[in-house]
Amino acid sequence: CTLDSEVALRVGGDFFFDPQPGDSPVNLVLIAGGVGINPLFSILLHIADLHGYQESKGNRHKLGTAKLYYSAKNTSELLFKKNILGLMKAFPGKITCRFHVTQQHSQICEGLQPHVTGK
């Protein structure tokens, strides 16, 4: 988003991301804390499937980017972190993530360091 961008927020309840062929591309910003990552991780997997299908078959889905911001107490509580890093590696620039930890007391492993902010 940029200054003065219009955004839509949704908190809780039933939600999904199901773009249809021919829809205009949208850029998603997904924000999760703790176990709230579960439905958003499913959305990321769906986006990855669509990107993969698009690259191999040339489907008509037009996809924007997906940016995930995910916070937990420490890196051991970041669920699916290895899977998320794998998606970022498989689809560079299309799927990105920033992890934020609030109470990390130990050293953050090298593989996560570039993607983690916080204490």
C-alpha atoms as a PDB file:
ATOM      1  CA  CYS A   1       0.000   0.000   0.000  1.00  0.00           C
ATOM      2  CA  THR A   2       1.048   3.552  -0.478  1.00  0.00           C
ATOM      3  CA  LEU A   3      -0.038   6.713   1.278  1.00  0.00           C
ATOM      4  CA  ASP A   4      -3.742   7.360   0.638  1.00  0.00           C
ATOM      5  CA  SER A   5      -4.332   3.831  -0.721  1.00  0.00           C
ATOM      6  CA  GLU A   6      -7.761   2.382  -0.119  1.00  0.00           C
ATOM      7  CA  VAL A   7      -7.708  -0.931   1.731  1.00  0.00           C
ATOM      8  CA  ALA A   8     -10.352  -3.347   2.920  1.00  0.00           C
ATOM      9  CA  LEU A   9      -9.970  -5.053   6.293  1.00  0.00           C
ATOM     10  CA  ARG A  10     -11.729  -8.081   7.599  1.00  0.00           C
ATOM     11  CA  VAL A  11     -11.332  -9.429  11.108  1.00  0.00           C
ATOM     12  CA  GLY A  12     -12.641 -12.847  12.108  1.00  0.00           C
ATOM     13  CA  GLY A  13     -15.555 -14.733  10.634  1.00  0.00           C
ATOM     14  CA  ASP A  14     -15.676 -16.666   7.384  1.00  0.00           C
ATOM     15  CA  PHE A  15     -13.319 -15.421   4.732  1.00  0.00           C
ATOM     16  CA  PHE A  16     -11.611 -16.770   1.643  1.00  0.00           C
ATOM     17  CA  PHE A  17      -9.706 -15.742  -1.466  1.00  0.00           C
ATOM     18  CA  ASP A  18     -11.135 -17.185  -4.657  1.00  0.00           C
ATOM     19  CA  PRO A  19     -10.114 -15.149  -7.695  1.00  0.00           C
ATOM     20  CA  GLN A  20     -11.860 -16.038 -10.921  1.00  0.00           C
ATOM     21  CA  PRO A  21     -10.326 -16.103 -14.396  1.00  0.00           C
ATOM     22  CA  GLY A  22     -10.633 -12.653 -15.888  1.00  0.00           C
ATOM     23  CA  ASP A  23     -10.731 -10.835 -12.520  1.00  0.00           C
ATOM     24  CA  SER A  24      -8.375  -7.896 -12.187  1.00  0.00           C
ATOM     25  CA  PRO A  25      -5.265  -8.783 -10.187  1.00  0.00           C
ATOM     26  CA  VAL A  26      -5.269  -7.762  -6.537  1.00  0.00           C
ATOM     27  CA  ASN A  27      -2.391  -7.397  -4.120  1.00  0.00           C
ATOM     28  CA  LEU A  28      -3.093  -9.048  -0.772  1.00  0.00           C
ATOM     29  CA  VAL A  29      -1.755  -8.025   2.620  1.00  0.00           C
ATOM     30  CA  LEU A  30      -2.394 -10.798   5.128  1.00  0.00           C
ATOM     31  CA  ILE A  31      -1.878 -10.093   8.839  1.00  0.00           C
ATOM     32  CA  ALA A  32      -1.774 -12.917  11.384  1.00  0.00           C
ATOM     33  CA  GLY A  33      -0.888 -13.449  15.003  1.00  0.00           C
ATOM     34  CA  GLY A  34      -0.236 -16.819  16.629  1.00  0.00           C
ATOM     35  CA  VAL A  35      -2.603 -19.589  15.545  1.00  0.00           C
ATOM     36  CA  GLY A  36      -4.526 -17.034  13.465  1.00  0.00           C
ATOM     37  CA  ILE A  37      -2.129 -18.051  10.698  1.00  0.00           C
ATOM     38  CA  ASN A  38      -4.155 -21.191   9.913  1.00  0.00           C
ATOM     39  CA  PRO A  39      -6.708 -19.754   7.453  1.00  0.00           C
ATOM     40  CA  LEU A  40      -4.167 -17.344   5.990  1.00  0.00           C
ATOM     41  CA  PHE A  41      -1.693 -20.151   5.372  1.00  0.00           C
ATOM     42  CA  SER A  42      -4.428 -21.931   3.405  1.00  0.00           C
ATOM     43  CA  ILE A  43      -4.878 -18.782   1.325  1.00  0.00           C
ATOM     44  CA  LEU A  44      -1.099 -18.669   0.684  1.00  0.00           C
ATOM     45  CA  LEU A  45      -1.157 -22.294  -0.455  1.00  0.00           C
ATOM     46  CA  HIS A  46      -4.034 -21.513  -2.815  1.00  0.00           C
ATOM     47  CA  ILE A  47      -2.139 -18.532  -4.237  1.00  0.00           C
ATOM     48  CA  ALA A  48       0.962 -20.704  -4.702  1.00  0.00           C
ATOM     49  CA  ASP A  49      -1.138 -23.330  -6.513  1.00  0.00           C
ATOM     50  CA  LEU A  50      -2.563 -20.663  -8.831  1.00  0.00           C
ATOM     51  CA  HIS A  51       0.907 -19.216  -9.520  1.00  0.00           C
ATOM     52  CA  GLY A  52       2.257 -22.701 -10.209  1.00  0.00           C
ATOM     53  CA  TYR A  53      -0.627 -23.548 -12.500  1.00  0.00           C
ATOM     54  CA  GLN A  54      -0.300 -20.188 -14.240  1.00  0.00           C
ATOM     55  CA  GLU A  55       3.383 -20.767 -14.925  1.00  0.00           C
ATOM     56  CA  SER A  56       2.929 -24.335 -16.184  1.00  0.00           C
ATOM     57  CA  LYS A  57      -0.360 -24.114 -18.066  1.00  0.00           C
ATOM     58  CA  GLY A  58      -0.858 -20.412 -18.786  1.00  0.00           C
ATOM     59  CA  ASN A  59      -4.239 -20.106 -17.091  1.00  0.00           C
ATOM     60  CA  ARG A  60      -6.310 -16.933 -17.234  1.00  0.00           C
ATOM     61  CA  HIS A  61      -5.933 -16.000 -13.558  1.00  0.00           C
ATOM     62  CA  LYS A  62      -4.211 -12.667 -13.139  1.00  0.00           C
ATOM     63  CA  LEU A  63      -2.551 -12.620  -9.734  1.00  0.00           C
ATOM     64  CA  GLY A  64      -0.977  -9.774  -7.841  1.00  0.00           C
ATOM     65  CA  THR A  65       1.368 -10.146  -4.904  1.00  0.00           C
ATOM     66  CA  ALA A  66       0.701 -11.618  -1.472  1.00  0.00           C
ATOM     67  CA  LYS A  67       2.463 -10.133   1.558  1.00  0.00           C
ATOM     68  CA  LEU A  68       2.136 -11.881   4.898  1.00  0.00           C
ATOM     69  CA  TYR A  69       2.874 -10.160   8.205  1.00  0.00           C
ATOM     70  CA  TYR A  70       2.942 -12.742  10.968  1.00  0.00           C
ATOM     71  CA  SER A  71       3.617 -12.165  14.666  1.00  0.00           C
ATOM     72  CA  ALA A  72       4.241 -14.552  17.546  1.00  0.00           C
ATOM     73  CA  LYS A  73       5.932 -14.526  20.933  1.00  0.00           C
ATOM     74  CA  ASN A  74       9.087 -16.163  19.570  1.00  0.00           C
ATOM     75  CA  THR A  75      10.273 -17.949  16.447  1.00  0.00           C
ATOM     76  CA  SER A  76       9.421 -21.380  17.842  1.00  0.00           C
ATOM     77  CA  GLU A  77       5.761 -20.285  17.910  1.00  0.00           C
ATOM     78  CA  LEU A  78       5.741 -19.201  14.261  1.00  0.00           C
ATOM     79  CA  LEU A  79       3.694 -22.013  12.732  1.00  0.00           C
ATOM     80  CA  PHE A  80       4.429 -23.112   9.158  1.00  0.00           C
ATOM     81  CA  LYS A  81       7.546 -20.903   9.000  1.00  0.00           C
ATOM     82  CA  LYS A  82       9.542 -23.414   6.925  1.00  0.00           C
ATOM     83  CA  ASN A  83       6.619 -23.852   4.536  1.00  0.00           C
ATOM     84  CA  ILE A  84       6.197 -20.087   4.208  1.00  0.00           C
ATOM     85  CA  LEU A  85       9.920 -19.627   3.507  1.00  0.00           C
ATOM     86  CA  GLY A  86       9.601 -22.357   0.856  1.00  0.00           C
ATOM     87  CA  LEU A  87       6.717 -20.510  -0.823  1.00  0.00           C
ATOM     88  CA  MET A  88       8.745 -17.298  -0.828  1.00  0.00           C
ATOM     89  CA  LYS A  89      11.657 -19.126  -2.448  1.00  0.00           C
ATOM     90  CA  ALA A  90       9.423 -20.832  -5.031  1.00  0.00           C
ATOM     91  CA  PHE A  91       7.636 -17.597  -5.988  1.00  0.00           C
ATOM     92  CA  PRO A  92      10.113 -14.737  -5.406  1.00  0.00           C
ATOM     93  CA  GLY A  93       8.523 -11.307  -5.466  1.00  0.00           C
ATOM     94  CA  LYS A  94       5.049 -12.837  -5.669  1.00  0.00           C
ATOM     95  CA  ILE A  95       4.819 -14.169  -2.096  1.00  0.00           C
ATOM     96  CA  THR A  96       6.685 -12.357   0.682  1.00  0.00           C
ATOM     97  CA  CYS A  97       6.605 -12.518   4.459  1.00  0.00           C
ATOM     98  CA  ARG A  98       7.800 -10.547   7.471  1.00  0.00           C
ATOM     99  CA  PHE A  99       7.809 -12.324  10.806  1.00  0.00           C
ATOM    100  CA  HIS A 100       7.646 -10.299  14.016  1.00  0.00           C
ATOM    101  CA  VAL A 101       8.539 -11.722  17.413  1.00  0.00           C
ATOM    102  CA  THR A 102       7.676  -9.966  20.650  1.00  0.00           C
ATOM    103  CA  GLN A 103       9.574 -11.909  23.333  1.00  0.00           C
ATOM    104  CA  GLN A 104      12.511 -13.666  21.663  1.00  0.00           C
ATOM    105  CA  HIS A 105      15.319 -14.278  24.182  1.00  0.00           C
ATOM    106  CA  SER A 106      17.507 -16.642  22.151  1.00  0.00           C
ATOM    107  CA  GLN A 107      19.431 -16.100  18.942  1.00  0.00           C
ATOM    108  CA  ILE A 108      17.329 -16.173  15.763  1.00  0.00           C
ATOM    109  CA  CYS A 109      18.534 -18.814  13.310  1.00  0.00           C
ATOM    110  CA  GLU A 110      20.320 -17.548  10.205  1.00  0.00           C
ATOM    111  CA  GLY A 111      17.654 -18.692   7.765  1.00  0.00           C
ATOM    112  CA  LEU A 112      14.999 -16.603   9.511  1.00  0.00           C
ATOM    113  CA  GLN A 113      17.108 -13.530  10.370  1.00  0.00           C
ATOM    114  CA  PRO A 114      16.438 -11.599   7.134  1.00  0.00           C
ATOM    115  CA  HIS A 115      12.691 -12.011   7.620  1.00  0.00           C
ATOM    116  CA  VAL A 116      12.311 -11.326  11.377  1.00  0.00           C
ATOM    117  CA  THR A 117      11.816  -8.085  13.248  1.00  0.00           C
ATOM    118  CA  GLY A 118      11.226  -7.528  16.941  1.00  0.00           C
ATOM    119  CA  LYS A 119      13.053  -8.386  20.147  1.00  0.00           C
END
